[in-house]
Amino acid sequence: MKIWFDITNSPHINMFYDLIRDLEQEGHTIIITSRPLANTVALLDQRGLKHTVVGEHYGKNFYRKIMGYPVRVMQLRRFLKNLAPDLAISQSSFHSPVAARLLGIPSIYMNDNEHAMGNIPAFICATRILVPEFLSTKKIIKQGGGKKKIIKYPGVKEGIYLWQTWLPEQNSFQSNGSGRKTIYIRPEPRTAQYYKGGLNFLDNVIVDLKGKYKVTILTRDKEQLKYYNTAKFEGVSVPDKPSLFNDIARDCLVFIGAGGTMTREMAVIGIPTISVYQDELLDVDRYLIEQGLMKHMPDISTEKALDYIGQHESKPPNRELLIKGRESYNLIKSVIKEIGKK
């Protein structure tokens, strides 16, 4: 089969990397399209995944997003028409199932963000909808997802790829965190349509913590990179290139994240994790908080952060979620084979 992946955000690269390589080894032809959001293009190049940039990201403005949506759908259709893929797969790419419908091919659409408006056309057009087990079926149906299309996978999406590195017993990162020295901070997703929380609300905490710990800010875009490179944050490390996940995990004392995949990744592998997300929580975040894998602290202060750091050390990765991740990985492959036979 020719299998098309539309990778539209940086977290999806880790999610699909092993799957793409496995499918290639099985003899399938892989087509990858991307768009310039966050570090997506740089990370694809870094991981050696051949891809074609199609379209652009239209920023935070709602009306630009609405106007730009059909533009990229048609750009994808035009690019893929002569390549003739047999199947489309994506995570949170609202464009992929619609473009696939126009191309006359089946699509697998995955998402764990029930607040995204782009789910509506994606759910309507997708052949199969894959969501985590705890995400409400009613919410999916309310956004246009047919009940017969829905397949629920075990655990969280982060487990789908983390298990291959973090499940084996010989994993060298399963320690109590001794030697880890850096607090990593991931700011808010300011350009996301669904995010309506505060901006730059971590500034005072960052300034206070930098005098006591090594602090690294993992920015989401060029504007954040520019902002955190000002004199106010002197002494804070602000990488201008994407860092490898395992390098961060090896060095991370505590992770403070304003939502997003990286925050959940750290929680799953046992890093002390604080979510400071200031909008309505996703079901997946509620699940991890209820499991005691991360702390929700939207009103974080320096005092609260220091108190948390003093009381928490790294734990072994969550074996249950990683085993579920392996099951989910195999489930995805079985869905691909099922669709490929039709």
Protein backbone atom coordinates (compact mmCIF):
# COMPACT_ATOMS: atom_id res chain seq x y z
CA MET A 1 0.00 0.00 0.00
CA LYS A 2 0.87 3.64 -0.37
CA ILE A 3 0.19 5.14 3.04
CA TRP A 4 0.00 8.91 3.51
CA PHE A 5 0.85 10.53 6.86
CA ASP A 6 0.01 14.21 7.34
CA ILE A 7 2.23 15.39 10.19
CA THR A 8 1.09 18.85 11.26
CA ASN A 9 2.67 19.32 14.69
CA SER A 10 5.97 18.34 16.29
CA PRO A 11 4.64 15.75 18.81
CA HIS A 12 3.25 13.63 15.98
CA ILE A 13 6.77 12.86 14.74
CA ASN A 14 7.67 10.75 17.77
CA MET A 15 4.21 9.25 17.71
CA PHE A 16 4.48 7.95 14.14
CA TYR A 17 8.23 7.44 13.67
CA ASP A 18 8.42 3.75 14.65
CA LEU A 19 5.14 2.97 12.90
CA ILE A 20 6.42 4.55 9.68
CA ARG A 21 9.68 2.59 9.85
CA ASP A 22 7.83 -0.67 10.56
CA LEU A 23 5.45 -0.12 7.65
CA GLU A 24 8.39 0.61 5.35
CA GLN A 25 10.09 -2.63 6.40
CA GLU A 26 6.87 -4.49 5.62
CA GLY A 27 7.06 -3.17 2.05
CA HIS A 28 4.63 -0.26 2.18
CA THR A 29 5.38 3.04 0.48
CA ILE A 30 5.18 6.02 2.82
CA ILE A 31 4.23 9.55 1.78
CA ILE A 32 4.64 12.31 4.38
CA THR A 33 3.29 15.84 4.18
CA SER A 34 3.95 18.49 6.84
CA ARG A 35 3.31 22.12 7.65
CA PRO A 36 5.55 24.74 9.30
CA LEU A 37 4.16 24.75 12.86
CA ALA A 38 6.36 24.79 15.97
CA ASN A 39 9.46 22.64 15.30
CA THR A 40 7.74 20.18 12.98
CA VAL A 41 9.88 20.70 9.87
CA ALA A 42 13.18 20.77 11.79
CA LEU A 43 12.31 17.63 13.75
CA LEU A 44 11.28 15.72 10.63
CA ASP A 45 14.61 16.60 9.07
CA GLN A 46 16.43 15.72 12.30
CA ARG A 47 14.79 12.26 12.39
CA GLY A 48 15.57 11.65 8.72
CA LEU A 49 11.96 11.44 7.57
CA LYS A 50 11.53 12.54 3.97
CA HIS A 51 8.56 14.91 3.73
CA THR A 52 7.01 17.69 1.68
CA VAL A 53 5.80 20.92 3.27
CA VAL A 54 2.28 21.67 2.06
CA GLY A 55 0.53 24.89 3.06
CA GLU A 56 1.11 26.96 6.19
CA HIS A 57 -0.11 27.50 9.72
CA TYR A 58 -2.53 30.41 10.03
CA GLY A 59 -1.75 31.45 13.60
CA LYS A 60 -4.12 32.24 16.46
CA ASN A 61 -6.62 34.37 14.55
CA PHE A 62 -9.89 32.43 14.22
CA TYR A 63 -10.91 33.98 10.90
CA ARG A 64 -7.52 33.31 9.30
CA LYS A 65 -7.79 29.70 10.42
CA ILE A 66 -11.28 29.38 8.92
CA MET A 67 -10.21 30.95 5.64
CA GLY A 68 -6.99 28.97 5.47
CA TYR A 69 -8.55 25.60 6.21
CA PRO A 70 -10.00 24.81 2.76
CA VAL A 71 -6.90 26.27 1.13
CA ARG A 72 -4.62 23.65 2.68
CA VAL A 73 -7.17 20.86 2.04
CA MET A 74 -7.10 21.70 -1.67
CA GLN A 75 -3.31 22.04 -1.65
CA LEU A 76 -3.06 18.53 -0.20
CA ARG A 77 -5.50 17.15 -2.76
CA ARG A 78 -3.55 18.73 -5.59
CA PHE A 79 -0.20 17.44 -4.29
CA LEU A 80 -1.43 13.89 -3.63
CA LYS A 81 -3.62 13.35 -6.69
CA ASN A 82 -0.86 11.95 -8.91
CA LEU A 83 0.86 10.13 -6.02
CA ALA A 84 -2.33 8.07 -5.56
CA PRO A 85 -2.09 7.01 -1.89
CA ASP A 86 -4.28 4.11 -0.73
CA LEU A 87 -4.79 5.21 2.88
CA ALA A 88 -4.44 8.37 5.00
CA ILE A 89 -3.33 8.39 8.66
CA SER A 90 -3.07 11.40 10.95
CA GLN A 91 -3.15 12.59 14.54
CA SER A 92 -5.05 15.88 14.96
CA SER A 93 -4.68 16.85 11.29
CA PHE A 94 -8.09 18.32 10.58
CA HIS A 95 -7.17 18.50 6.88
CA SER A 96 -6.23 14.86 6.29
CA PRO A 97 -9.63 13.08 6.43
CA VAL A 98 -11.25 15.78 4.30
CA ALA A 99 -8.51 15.65 1.66
CA ALA A 100 -8.73 11.84 1.76
CA ARG A 101 -12.48 11.99 1.14
CA LEU A 102 -11.86 14.23 -1.89
CA LEU A 103 -9.22 11.77 -3.13
CA GLY A 104 -11.62 8.86 -2.67
CA ILE A 105 -9.43 6.97 -0.19
CA PRO A 106 -10.08 5.73 3.37
CA SER A 107 -8.60 7.55 6.36
CA ILE A 108 -7.68 6.84 9.96
CA TYR A 109 -8.04 9.92 12.17
CA MET A 110 -6.65 9.96 15.69
CA ASN A 111 -7.21 12.64 18.32
CA ASP A 112 -7.24 13.00 22.10
CA ASN A 113 -8.31 16.66 22.18
CA GLU A 114 -12.08 16.84 22.47
CA HIS A 115 -12.05 20.66 22.49
CA ALA A 116 -10.70 21.18 18.97
CA MET A 117 -13.29 22.54 16.51
CA GLY A 118 -11.39 20.99 13.61
CA ASN A 119 -12.56 17.59 14.84
CA ILE A 120 -15.98 18.24 13.30
CA PRO A 121 -15.02 17.94 9.59
CA ALA A 122 -12.37 15.35 10.44
CA PHE A 123 -14.81 13.12 12.34
CA ILE A 124 -17.42 13.45 9.58
CA CYS A 125 -15.01 12.47 6.81
CA ALA A 126 -12.83 9.87 8.55
CA THR A 127 -13.29 6.16 7.87
CA ARG A 128 -12.05 5.18 11.34
CA ILE A 129 -11.73 7.39 14.42
CA LEU A 130 -9.21 6.26 17.05
CA VAL A 131 -9.40 7.87 20.49
CA PRO A 132 -8.19 6.92 24.00
CA GLU A 133 -10.38 4.60 26.04
CA PHE A 134 -11.49 7.23 28.55
CA LEU A 135 -12.60 9.88 26.02
CA SER A 136 -16.39 10.21 26.05
CA THR A 137 -18.14 8.63 23.06
CA LYS A 138 -20.90 11.23 23.43
CA LYS A 139 -18.39 14.03 22.86
CA ILE A 140 -17.18 12.40 19.64
CA ILE A 141 -20.71 11.86 18.34
CA LYS A 142 -21.59 15.46 19.24
CA GLN A 143 -18.77 16.59 16.93
CA GLY A 144 -19.98 14.47 14.02
CA GLY A 145 -18.27 11.14 14.64
CA GLY A 146 -20.42 8.15 13.73
CA LYS A 147 -20.56 5.56 16.51
CA LYS A 148 -19.62 2.69 14.17
CA LYS A 149 -16.44 4.52 13.14
CA ILE A 150 -15.09 4.88 16.67
CA ILE A 151 -12.34 2.59 17.93
CA LYS A 152 -11.04 3.18 21.45
CA TYR A 153 -7.42 2.29 22.15
CA PRO A 154 -6.03 1.40 25.61
CA GLY A 155 -4.26 4.06 27.67
CA VAL A 156 -2.97 7.39 26.35
CA LYS A 157 -1.55 8.22 22.93
CA GLU A 158 1.90 8.88 24.43
CA GLY A 159 2.13 5.21 25.38
CA ILE A 160 1.75 4.23 21.71
CA TYR A 161 5.36 5.21 21.05
CA LEU A 162 7.02 5.56 24.47
CA TRP A 163 6.72 1.83 25.20
CA GLN A 164 9.42 0.92 22.68
CA THR A 165 12.08 2.80 24.65
CA TRP A 166 10.73 2.94 28.18
CA LEU A 167 9.04 -0.42 28.77
CA PRO A 168 12.12 -2.73 28.66
CA GLU A 169 13.42 -3.60 32.12
CA GLN A 170 16.96 -2.62 31.14
CA ASN A 171 15.89 0.99 30.62
CA SER A 172 18.76 3.03 32.03
CA PHE A 173 16.56 6.04 32.78
CA GLN A 174 14.58 4.22 35.48
CA SER A 175 16.29 5.90 38.40
CA ASN A 176 15.35 8.10 41.31
CA GLY A 177 16.47 11.18 39.43
CA SER A 178 19.87 11.56 41.08
CA GLY A 179 22.09 13.61 38.79
CA ARG A 180 19.16 15.34 37.12
CA LYS A 181 19.62 19.08 37.48
CA THR A 182 17.38 21.03 35.15
CA ILE A 183 13.82 22.31 35.39
CA TYR A 184 12.29 22.23 31.93
CA ILE A 185 9.42 24.58 31.16
CA ARG A 186 7.05 24.41 28.18
CA PRO A 187 5.03 27.65 27.78
CA GLU A 188 1.39 27.94 26.75
CA PRO A 189 0.16 27.00 23.23
CA ARG A 190 -0.68 30.59 22.37
CA THR A 191 -1.58 29.97 18.69
CA ALA A 192 -3.91 27.01 19.33
CA GLN A 193 -7.57 27.61 18.48
CA TYR A 194 -8.77 25.83 21.62
CA TYR A 195 -6.53 27.74 24.09
CA LYS A 196 -8.09 30.68 25.91
CA GLY A 197 -5.86 30.84 28.99
CA GLY A 198 -3.30 33.43 30.02
CA LEU A 199 -0.12 34.42 28.19
CA ASN A 200 3.35 34.76 29.72
CA PHE A 201 1.94 33.94 33.17
CA LEU A 202 5.03 31.89 34.06
CA ASP A 203 7.43 34.84 33.84
CA ASN A 204 7.80 35.59 37.55
CA VAL A 205 8.21 31.91 38.43
CA ILE A 206 10.89 31.51 35.75
CA VAL A 207 12.81 34.55 36.97
CA ASP A 208 12.69 33.31 40.57
CA LEU A 209 13.63 29.71 39.76
CA LYS A 210 16.61 30.63 37.59
CA GLY A 211 18.44 31.86 40.67
CA LYS A 212 18.08 28.47 42.36
CA TYR A 213 18.14 25.89 39.54
CA LYS A 214 19.19 25.42 35.98
CA VAL A 215 16.13 26.35 33.90
CA THR A 216 15.51 25.51 30.25
CA ILE A 217 12.54 26.88 28.31
CA LEU A 218 11.29 24.75 25.43
CA THR A 219 9.60 27.31 23.21
CA ARG A 220 6.82 26.48 20.78
CA ASP A 221 7.55 29.01 18.02
CA LYS A 222 9.79 31.85 16.88
CA GLU A 223 7.82 34.48 18.79
CA GLN A 224 8.30 32.67 22.08
CA LEU A 225 11.96 32.10 21.25
CA LYS A 226 12.41 35.84 20.73
CA TYR A 227 10.46 36.71 23.88
CA TYR A 228 12.46 34.45 26.21
CA ASN A 229 15.78 35.62 24.79
CA THR A 230 15.30 39.11 26.26
CA ALA A 231 17.39 40.48 29.16
CA LYS A 232 14.64 39.66 31.66
CA PHE A 233 15.43 35.96 31.30
CA GLU A 234 19.20 36.20 31.28
CA GLY A 235 20.68 33.01 32.70
CA VAL A 236 17.86 30.83 31.36
CA SER A 237 18.68 28.37 28.61
CA VAL A 238 16.46 28.85 25.55
CA PRO A 239 17.48 26.37 22.81
CA ASP A 240 16.97 27.62 19.27
CA LYS A 241 16.79 24.07 17.93
CA PRO A 242 14.54 21.21 19.06
CA SER A 243 16.04 18.96 21.73
CA LEU A 244 15.88 15.18 21.68
CA PHE A 245 13.28 13.77 24.06
CA ASN A 246 15.62 11.29 25.73
CA ASP A 247 18.20 14.02 26.36
CA ILE A 248 15.54 16.09 28.13
CA ALA A 249 14.30 13.10 30.13
CA ARG A 250 17.82 12.19 31.26
CA ASP A 251 18.42 15.70 32.63
CA CYS A 252 14.94 16.69 33.84
CA LEU A 253 14.50 17.28 37.56
CA VAL A 254 10.95 18.62 37.19
CA PHE A 255 8.84 19.41 34.13
CA ILE A 256 6.45 22.38 34.15
CA GLY A 257 4.19 22.43 31.12
CA ALA A 258 1.25 24.57 30.03
CA GLY A 259 -0.53 21.59 28.51
CA GLY A 260 0.40 19.55 25.48
CA THR A 261 1.95 16.23 24.60
CA MET A 262 5.37 16.80 26.15
CA THR A 263 3.81 17.40 29.57
CA ARG A 264 1.97 14.08 29.32
CA GLU A 265 5.07 12.27 28.02
CA MET A 266 7.05 13.31 31.08
CA ALA A 267 4.24 12.24 33.41
CA VAL A 268 4.05 8.78 31.80
CA ILE A 269 7.80 8.11 32.16
CA GLY A 270 7.84 9.12 35.82
CA ILE A 271 9.31 12.63 35.74
CA PRO A 272 7.75 14.90 38.42
CA THR A 273 5.35 16.93 36.30
CA ILE A 274 3.30 20.06 36.93
CA SER A 275 0.59 21.03 34.47
CA VAL A 276 -0.06 24.77 34.58
CA TYR A 277 -2.65 24.70 31.79
CA GLN A 278 -5.12 27.55 32.42
CA ASP A 279 -8.01 26.54 30.18
CA GLU A 280 -10.51 23.68 30.51
CA LEU A 281 -8.60 20.45 30.98
CA LEU A 282 -8.77 17.67 28.41
CA ASP A 283 -10.09 14.28 29.49
CA VAL A 284 -6.60 12.83 29.01
CA ASP A 285 -5.09 15.33 31.45
CA ARG A 286 -7.83 14.67 33.99
CA TYR A 287 -7.05 10.96 33.69
CA LEU A 288 -3.31 11.44 34.36
CA ILE A 289 -4.02 13.75 37.29
CA GLU A 290 -6.48 11.24 38.78
CA GLN A 291 -3.82 8.55 38.39
CA GLY A 292 -1.41 10.70 40.42
CA LEU A 293 1.03 11.00 37.53
CA MET A 294 0.99 14.78 37.38
CA LYS A 295 -0.15 17.76 39.44
CA HIS A 296 -2.45 20.48 38.08
CA MET A 297 -1.31 23.89 39.30
CA PRO A 298 -2.80 26.63 37.05
CA ASP A 299 -2.18 29.23 39.78
CA ILE A 300 1.48 28.26 40.18
CA SER A 301 3.72 30.49 42.27
CA THR A 302 7.40 30.23 43.10
CA GLU A 303 6.54 29.01 46.58
CA LYS A 304 4.24 26.27 45.24
CA ALA A 305 6.81 25.20 42.65
CA LEU A 306 9.61 24.97 45.22
CA ASP A 307 7.38 23.03 47.60
CA TYR A 308 6.54 20.53 44.85
CA ILE A 309 10.20 20.17 43.81
CA GLY A 310 11.20 19.51 47.41
CA GLN A 311 8.66 16.71 47.82
CA HIS A 312 8.90 14.82 44.52
CA GLU A 313 11.53 12.66 42.84
CA SER A 314 11.46 10.74 39.59
CA LYS A 315 9.77 7.35 39.58
CA PRO A 316 10.01 4.42 37.17
CA PRO A 317 7.93 4.83 34.01
CA ASN A 318 4.28 3.82 34.39
CA ARG A 319 4.36 0.20 33.31
CA GLU A 320 0.60 -0.17 32.98
CA LEU A 321 0.32 2.71 30.50
CA LEU A 322 3.33 1.50 28.53
CA ILE A 323 1.88 -2.02 28.21
CA LYS A 324 -1.38 -0.44 27.07
CA GLY A 325 0.67 1.62 24.62
CA ARG A 326 2.08 -1.55 23.09
CA GLU A 327 -1.43 -2.95 22.76
CA SER A 328 -2.57 0.29 21.09
CA TYR A 329 0.36 0.23 18.67
CA ASN A 330 -0.61 -3.27 17.55
CA LEU A 331 -4.25 -2.18 17.33
CA ILE A 332 -3.35 0.64 14.93
CA LYS A 333 -1.44 -1.79 12.72
CA SER A 334 -4.41 -4.16 12.69
CA VAL A 335 -6.75 -1.33 11.64
CA ILE A 336 -4.35 -0.46 8.80
CA LYS A 337 -4.39 -4.08 7.63
CA GLU A 338 -8.17 -4.29 7.93
CA ILE A 339 -8.67 -1.21 5.75
CA GLY A 340 -5.99 -2.35 3.32
CA LYS A 341 -7.87 -5.58 2.60
CA LYS A 342 -10.99 -3.73 1.49
